[in-house]
Amino acid sequence: MAQISLVAQPRDPSVHANQLRQQGWVPAVMYGHNVPAESVQIERISLDKAVKQGALTHLTTLDFGARQVAVLIKELQRHPVKRNPLHVDFYQVSMTELVEIDVRVKLLGALPASVGSDYILVHNLETITVSCLPGNIPDSLAIDISQLTPEHYILHARDLVVPANVKLAIDPDEAVVMLSRTRAAVSEETGEAAPATTSAEPEVVVKGKAAKGEEVPEETKKK
């Protein structure tokens, strides 16, 4: 993967956060182990590009012009309706200290013919938390779904292909992918009609904590 870089500047605390956003900047805070917190601002266009490149799960460089700082994005807050970025938390890393980060799970292979149409593939974990040095963060961790059969229908975290310099930071018995019987197959076996599907509200998961001192829009406060 190409190096991910973000245009950054020190932030003047006296300038209102909404004013920064109107000028094309995103307010942010940068902190780290034995590193004092620093208020910064990120170029909105640069942030959008970096996220598309994978900045949420990869080492990123904050480019201040005269200095370059290696960071991980710990939290990216977005407007609940417009989805535009509101604030970013950056963790400044040391290249010699272990970090924990979520890495994307990549599915390899194809389901064998023996699976048939009675089963569907359920992807339980799309990312996996790993521990490694910042320079060893993998682009993804692969798992081979061609190993799945109706008899051996679950692949666990221990079945992932993990580089020697990377360690899993989750229970190796966690289910990553699995086969599940379709409703039609279950109904045919039991002789009962398949239940009607119902819609459900999506679950919203928020990671990390909002930076202190930043104004949060009313829509966000009510959530």
Protein backbone atom coordinates (compact mmCIF):
# COMPACT_ATOMS: atom_id res chain seq x y z
CA MET A 1 0.00 0.00 0.00
CA ALA A 2 1.20 3.52 -0.83
CA GLN A 3 2.24 5.75 2.05
CA ILE A 4 -0.76 7.58 3.52
CA SER A 5 -0.18 11.24 4.32
CA LEU A 6 -2.37 14.01 5.74
CA VAL A 7 -1.78 17.75 5.44
CA ALA A 8 -1.83 19.15 8.99
CA GLN A 9 -1.27 22.42 10.86
CA PRO A 10 -1.10 23.46 14.52
CA ARG A 11 -4.55 24.70 15.58
CA ASP A 12 -5.35 28.03 17.21
CA PRO A 13 -7.70 27.17 20.13
CA SER A 14 -9.28 30.63 19.89
CA VAL A 15 -10.75 29.81 16.45
CA HIS A 16 -14.18 28.19 16.69
CA ALA A 17 -14.37 24.60 15.41
CA ASN A 18 -17.29 25.38 13.07
CA GLN A 19 -15.32 28.24 11.54
CA LEU A 20 -12.44 25.85 10.80
CA ARG A 21 -14.82 23.41 9.11
CA GLN A 22 -16.24 26.18 6.91
CA GLN A 23 -12.67 26.97 5.81
CA GLY A 24 -12.04 23.37 4.75
CA TRP A 25 -10.27 22.14 7.87
CA VAL A 26 -11.19 19.43 10.40
CA PRO A 27 -10.29 20.06 14.07
CA ALA A 28 -8.24 17.29 15.66
CA VAL A 29 -6.14 16.35 18.66
CA MET A 30 -2.87 14.44 18.62
CA TYR A 31 -1.60 12.58 21.69
CA GLY A 32 0.56 9.61 22.56
CA HIS A 33 2.51 7.70 25.20
CA ASN A 34 4.62 10.23 27.12
CA VAL A 35 3.64 12.82 24.50
CA PRO A 36 1.64 15.93 25.49
CA ALA A 37 -1.67 16.41 23.68
CA GLU A 38 -1.55 18.88 20.80
CA SER A 39 -4.42 20.65 19.06
CA VAL A 40 -4.11 20.36 15.27
CA GLN A 41 -6.24 20.81 12.17
CA ILE A 42 -6.41 18.54 9.13
CA GLU A 43 -7.16 19.52 5.56
CA ARG A 44 -10.62 18.12 4.76
CA ILE A 45 -9.73 17.07 1.19
CA SER A 46 -6.57 15.36 2.43
CA LEU A 47 -8.55 13.49 5.12
CA ASP A 48 -11.18 12.22 2.65
CA LYS A 49 -8.44 10.93 0.35
CA ALA A 50 -6.54 9.27 3.20
CA VAL A 51 -9.67 7.47 4.48
CA LYS A 52 -10.28 6.06 1.00
CA GLN A 53 -6.66 4.81 1.00
CA GLY A 54 -7.22 2.98 4.30
CA ALA A 55 -6.06 5.46 6.96
CA LEU A 56 -8.57 4.08 9.50
CA THR A 57 -6.63 0.80 9.68
CA HIS A 58 -3.11 1.83 8.64
CA LEU A 59 -0.19 3.90 9.79
CA THR A 60 -0.57 7.48 8.61
CA THR A 61 1.84 10.43 8.44
CA LEU A 62 0.78 13.91 9.52
CA ASP A 63 2.64 16.36 7.28
CA PHE A 64 3.29 19.64 9.09
CA GLY A 65 5.75 20.76 6.44
CA ALA A 66 8.79 21.11 8.68
CA ARG A 67 8.08 17.82 10.49
CA GLN A 68 6.44 14.49 9.84
CA VAL A 69 4.58 12.59 12.60
CA ALA A 70 3.56 8.91 12.43
CA VAL A 71 0.05 8.40 13.84
CA LEU A 72 -2.91 6.05 13.99
CA ILE A 73 -6.49 7.32 13.74
CA LYS A 74 -8.13 6.37 17.05
CA GLU A 75 -11.49 8.01 16.34
CA LEU A 76 -13.12 9.79 13.44
CA GLN A 77 -16.33 11.59 14.40
CA ARG A 78 -18.84 12.25 11.62
CA HIS A 79 -22.06 14.24 11.44
CA PRO A 80 -24.91 11.76 12.06
CA VAL A 81 -26.83 12.90 8.96
CA LYS A 82 -24.45 14.63 6.56
CA ARG A 83 -21.59 12.18 7.36
CA ASN A 84 -18.96 14.91 6.96
CA PRO A 85 -15.99 14.64 9.37
CA LEU A 86 -16.30 16.67 12.58
CA HIS A 87 -13.23 15.74 14.62
CA VAL A 88 -10.29 13.32 14.59
CA ASP A 89 -8.29 11.75 17.41
CA PHE A 90 -4.73 10.81 16.42
CA TYR A 91 -2.40 8.59 18.45
CA GLN A 92 1.27 9.45 17.91
CA VAL A 93 3.21 6.19 17.74
CA SER A 94 6.79 5.18 18.45
CA MET A 95 8.18 2.88 15.77
CA THR A 96 9.78 0.77 18.53
CA GLU A 97 6.63 0.29 20.66
CA LEU A 98 3.86 -2.24 20.05
CA VAL A 99 0.45 -0.94 19.03
CA GLU A 100 -2.97 -2.55 18.77
CA ILE A 101 -4.96 -1.89 15.63
CA ASP A 102 -7.91 -3.36 13.72
CA VAL A 103 -6.91 -5.00 10.44
CA ARG A 104 -9.28 -5.94 7.61
CA VAL A 105 -10.09 -9.64 7.06
CA LYS A 106 -9.66 -10.76 3.43
CA LEU A 107 -11.59 -13.82 2.22
CA LEU A 108 -9.65 -16.14 -0.08
CA GLY A 109 -10.89 -18.99 -2.25
CA ALA A 110 -14.48 -20.04 -2.88
CA LEU A 111 -17.00 -22.25 -1.11
CA PRO A 112 -16.70 -25.88 -2.26
CA ALA A 113 -19.47 -27.43 -4.36
CA SER A 114 -20.44 -29.68 -1.43
CA VAL A 115 -21.86 -26.65 0.40
CA GLY A 116 -24.67 -26.31 -2.15
CA SER A 117 -27.49 -23.78 -1.99
CA ASP A 118 -28.72 -24.76 1.48
CA TYR A 119 -26.08 -22.63 3.18
CA ILE A 120 -25.02 -18.99 3.17
CA LEU A 121 -21.68 -17.53 4.23
CA VAL A 122 -21.78 -15.35 7.35
CA HIS A 123 -18.85 -12.97 7.84
CA ASN A 124 -18.81 -12.48 11.63
CA LEU A 125 -15.63 -10.41 11.92
CA GLU A 126 -14.67 -8.06 9.11
CA THR A 127 -11.71 -6.70 11.08
CA ILE A 128 -9.36 -8.33 13.58
CA THR A 129 -7.41 -6.60 16.36
CA VAL A 130 -3.69 -7.34 16.20
CA SER A 131 -0.60 -6.31 18.13
CA CYS A 132 2.63 -5.42 16.33
CA LEU A 133 5.19 -2.71 15.71
CA PRO A 134 3.81 0.20 13.63
CA GLY A 135 6.06 -0.69 10.72
CA ASN A 136 4.70 -4.25 10.62
CA ILE A 137 0.98 -3.46 10.39
CA PRO A 138 -0.39 -5.75 7.63
CA ASP A 139 -2.76 -4.51 4.94
CA SER A 140 -5.10 -7.41 5.75
CA LEU A 141 -5.25 -10.91 7.24
CA ALA A 142 -6.41 -13.70 4.92
CA ILE A 143 -8.66 -16.65 5.64
CA ASP A 144 -9.42 -19.45 3.16
CA ILE A 145 -13.16 -20.12 2.94
CA SER A 146 -12.61 -23.14 0.67
CA GLN A 147 -11.96 -25.05 3.93
CA LEU A 148 -15.61 -24.70 4.92
CA THR A 149 -17.95 -27.69 4.62
CA PRO A 150 -21.36 -28.54 6.15
CA GLU A 151 -19.43 -30.65 8.71
CA HIS A 152 -16.64 -28.11 9.30
CA TYR A 153 -18.73 -24.96 9.12
CA ILE A 154 -16.77 -22.44 11.24
CA LEU A 155 -13.37 -20.83 10.74
CA HIS A 156 -11.86 -19.18 13.80
CA ALA A 157 -9.31 -16.44 14.37
CA ARG A 158 -6.64 -19.12 14.72
CA ASP A 159 -7.31 -20.10 11.09
CA LEU A 160 -6.19 -16.68 9.80
CA VAL A 161 -2.87 -16.38 7.97
CA VAL A 162 -0.91 -14.17 10.39
CA PRO A 163 2.67 -12.94 9.73
CA ALA A 164 5.31 -14.04 12.23
CA ASN A 165 5.87 -10.46 13.44
CA VAL A 166 2.15 -9.93 14.14
CA LYS A 167 0.11 -11.35 17.03
CA LEU A 168 -3.65 -11.67 17.42
CA ALA A 169 -5.05 -9.48 20.18
CA ILE A 170 -8.36 -11.39 20.37
CA ASP A 171 -9.44 -14.86 21.50
CA PRO A 172 -8.17 -17.34 18.85
CA ASP A 173 -11.47 -19.22 19.22
CA GLU A 174 -13.50 -16.23 17.96
CA ALA A 175 -15.56 -17.20 14.90
CA VAL A 176 -14.51 -15.21 11.83
CA VAL A 177 -16.65 -16.80 9.11
CA MET A 178 -19.22 -19.59 9.19
CA LEU A 179 -21.87 -21.38 7.19
CA SER A 180 -25.50 -20.96 8.18
CA ARG A 181 -28.51 -22.93 6.93
CA THR A 182 -30.91 -20.89 4.81
CA ARG A 183 -34.48 -20.43 6.04
CA ALA A 184 -35.76 -22.34 3.02
CA ALA A 185 -33.55 -25.34 3.86
CA VAL A 186 -34.65 -25.33 7.51
CA SER A 187 -38.33 -25.02 6.53
CA GLU A 188 -38.05 -27.88 4.07
CA GLU A 189 -36.46 -30.08 6.72
CA THR A 190 -39.02 -29.26 9.44
CA GLY A 191 -42.03 -28.88 7.18
CA GLU A 192 -42.75 -25.41 8.59
CA ALA A 193 -43.20 -22.21 6.59
CA ALA A 194 -40.27 -19.79 6.69
CA PRO A 195 -40.97 -16.81 8.99
CA ALA A 196 -41.49 -13.42 7.40
CA THR A 197 -38.50 -11.11 7.55
CA THR A 198 -38.71 -7.92 9.55
CA SER A 199 -36.59 -4.82 9.32
CA ALA A 200 -34.50 -3.68 12.26
CA GLU A 201 -32.81 -0.46 13.20
CA PRO A 202 -29.03 -0.57 12.55
CA GLU A 203 -26.76 -0.63 15.58
CA VAL A 204 -24.42 2.35 15.89
CA VAL A 205 -21.02 1.59 17.39
CA VAL A 206 -18.89 4.46 18.64
CA LYS A 207 -15.22 3.89 19.42
CA GLY A 208 -13.06 6.09 21.61
CA LYS A 209 -13.94 9.33 23.43
CA ALA A 210 -14.65 12.78 22.11
CA ALA A 211 -11.82 15.25 22.64
CA LYS A 212 -12.40 17.60 25.53
CA GLY A 213 -13.06 21.23 24.78
CA GLU A 214 -14.69 20.62 21.37
CA GLU A 215 -18.26 21.60 20.68
CA VAL A 216 -20.43 18.71 19.59
CA PRO A 217 -23.45 19.36 17.34
CA GLU A 218 -26.87 18.97 18.94
CA GLU A 219 -27.61 15.96 16.74
CA THR A 220 -24.61 14.18 18.20
CA LYS A 221 -25.39 15.12 21.80
CA LYS A 222 -28.83 13.57 21.58
CA LYS A 223 -27.51 10.21 20.38
